[in-house]
Amino acid sequence: MKVNEAITKVDDLEPNTYEDNEKLDWLTELDKRIAIEILNVKEREEDVVVEPYTEADMDKELLVPAPYDNLYVQWLMSQIDYYNNEMDRYANSAAMFNQKYQDFANYWYRTHKSSLRATIY
C-alpha cells in the first residue's frame, strides 16, 4: 500500500478534519515502530531505517505488504478516534489495529530467520 492510498482510504471510510501532514506523521510513527519491533529483530543485511514521510512521499510504498497492509488504515482510524476523544470508537479501532499488527508480526516471525542465537551450555 502506498502512503496516499492509506490516507485516501481512511478519509473515505472516516471523514475527518486532520491534515495530510498529521497523517504522514502517524504513518511515520507506525513504520518506525514496525522497523524496530518486527523487521530489524530478524536477520537482515542491514536494518530498515524509516525517514519521516513528507508530501513528496505520497507514492512511496509503506513497509507492510498485502494482505497485511490494511493495518495502516486501522492505525489511522484509531489515531483519528483517539484525537477526537471518541474513546469507545478508539477502543474498537485500536483493538482492530492491534490484531492486524499482531497478524503481521506472527507472519514475519514465522517466515524470517531469527538473528537471535541460542546459547548452549
Protein backbone atom coordinates (compact mmCIF):
# COMPACT_ATOMS: atom_id res chain seq x y z
CA MET A 1 0.00 0.00 0.00
CA LYS A 2 1.26 3.44 -0.85
CA VAL A 3 1.14 6.39 1.54
CA ASN A 4 -1.53 8.18 -0.49
CA GLU A 5 -3.66 5.02 -0.69
CA ALA A 6 -3.74 4.68 3.10
CA ILE A 7 -4.67 8.33 3.57
CA THR A 8 -7.32 8.29 0.83
CA LYS A 9 -8.89 5.10 2.14
CA VAL A 10 -9.14 6.36 5.71
CA ASP A 11 -10.56 9.69 4.52
CA ASP A 12 -13.23 7.78 2.57
CA LEU A 13 -14.07 5.47 5.48
CA GLU A 14 -13.87 8.01 8.28
CA PRO A 15 -14.21 11.62 7.09
CA ASN A 16 -12.11 13.88 9.29
CA THR A 17 -10.57 17.32 9.53
CA TYR A 18 -6.96 16.22 10.05
CA GLU A 19 -4.41 17.45 7.51
CA ASP A 20 -2.31 15.05 5.46
CA ASN A 21 0.80 16.21 7.35
CA GLU A 22 -0.65 14.85 10.59
CA LYS A 23 -1.49 11.53 8.93
CA LEU A 24 2.03 11.41 7.45
CA ASP A 25 3.43 11.80 10.98
CA TRP A 26 1.21 8.97 12.22
CA LEU A 27 2.30 6.72 9.33
CA THR A 28 5.94 7.54 10.05
CA GLU A 29 5.45 6.67 13.71
CA LEU A 30 3.91 3.31 12.80
CA ASP A 31 6.55 2.35 10.22
CA LYS A 32 9.33 3.25 12.68
CA ARG A 33 7.67 1.03 15.24
CA ILE A 34 7.34 -1.82 12.72
CA ALA A 35 11.01 -1.46 11.77
CA ILE A 36 12.20 -1.51 15.38
CA GLU A 37 9.82 -4.10 16.85
CA ILE A 38 9.48 -6.53 13.94
CA LEU A 39 11.66 -6.10 10.86
CA ASN A 40 15.00 -5.34 12.49
CA VAL A 41 14.70 -8.17 15.02
CA LYS A 42 15.26 -10.76 12.29
CA GLU A 43 18.48 -11.40 10.41
CA ARG A 44 18.95 -8.88 7.58
CA GLU A 45 21.84 -7.50 5.59
CA GLU A 46 21.09 -4.11 7.08
CA ASP A 47 18.43 -2.61 9.33
CA VAL A 48 15.37 -0.92 7.90
CA VAL A 49 15.56 2.82 8.54
CA VAL A 50 12.42 4.93 8.27
CA GLU A 51 12.74 8.59 7.41
CA PRO A 52 9.77 10.88 8.14
CA TYR A 53 7.18 10.76 5.37
CA THR A 54 6.50 14.06 3.62
CA GLU A 55 4.16 15.27 0.88
CA ALA A 56 6.85 14.17 -1.62
CA ASP A 57 6.46 10.57 -0.41
CA MET A 58 2.79 10.12 -1.28
CA ASP A 59 3.64 7.45 -3.91
CA LYS A 60 6.06 5.62 -1.62
CA GLU A 61 5.27 2.05 -0.54
CA LEU A 62 4.73 1.56 3.17
CA LEU A 63 6.67 -1.25 4.88
CA VAL A 64 3.95 -3.85 5.40
CA PRO A 65 2.91 -5.78 2.27
CA ALA A 66 -0.53 -7.07 1.31
CA PRO A 67 -2.52 -8.79 2.63
CA TYR A 68 -1.41 -7.30 5.96
CA ASP A 69 -1.30 -3.67 4.81
CA ASN A 70 -4.80 -2.79 5.99
CA LEU A 71 -3.22 -2.25 9.40
CA TYR A 72 -2.28 1.24 8.15
CA VAL A 73 -5.93 2.17 7.64
CA GLN A 74 -6.83 0.76 11.04
CA TRP A 75 -3.93 2.68 12.62
CA LEU A 76 -5.03 5.98 11.07
CA MET A 77 -8.63 5.39 12.10
CA SER A 78 -7.58 4.67 15.67
CA GLN A 79 -5.50 7.85 15.79
CA ILE A 80 -8.41 9.91 14.48
CA ASP A 81 -10.75 8.38 17.08
CA TYR A 82 -8.20 8.98 19.85
CA TYR A 83 -7.57 12.63 18.97
CA ASN A 84 -11.31 13.22 18.53
CA ASN A 85 -11.70 11.95 22.11
CA GLU A 86 -14.11 9.27 20.91
CA MET A 87 -12.94 6.68 23.41
CA ASP A 88 -15.50 3.95 22.66
CA ARG A 89 -14.69 4.16 18.95
CA TYR A 90 -10.98 4.33 19.78
CA ALA A 91 -11.18 1.15 21.85
CA ASN A 92 -12.72 -0.68 18.90
CA SER A 93 -10.41 0.73 16.22
CA ALA A 94 -7.33 0.18 18.41
CA ALA A 95 -8.34 -3.44 19.03
CA MET A 96 -8.74 -3.99 15.28
CA PHE A 97 -5.37 -2.38 14.63
CA ASN A 98 -3.66 -4.44 17.34
CA GLN A 99 -4.99 -7.66 15.84
CA LYS A 100 -3.78 -6.73 12.35
CA TYR A 101 -0.38 -5.68 13.74
CA GLN A 102 -0.06 -8.99 15.59
CA ASP A 103 -1.10 -10.93 12.47
CA PHE A 104 1.71 -9.28 10.51
CA ALA A 105 4.23 -9.81 13.32
CA ASN A 106 3.29 -13.50 13.51
CA TYR A 107 3.68 -13.88 9.74
CA TRP A 108 7.07 -12.14 9.80
CA TYR A 109 8.44 -14.21 12.67
CA ARG A 110 7.27 -17.45 11.01
CA THR A 111 8.86 -16.65 7.65
CA HIS A 112 12.17 -14.97 8.52
CA LYS A 113 15.27 -16.38 10.14
CA SER A 114 15.96 -15.09 13.61
CA SER A 115 19.14 -13.18 14.36
CA LEU A 116 18.85 -14.28 17.97
CA ARG A 117 21.22 -17.16 18.66
CA ALA A 118 20.54 -19.82 21.26
CA THR A 119 23.40 -20.32 23.66
CA ILE A 120 24.07 -23.90 24.68
CA TYR A 121 25.96 -24.50 27.92
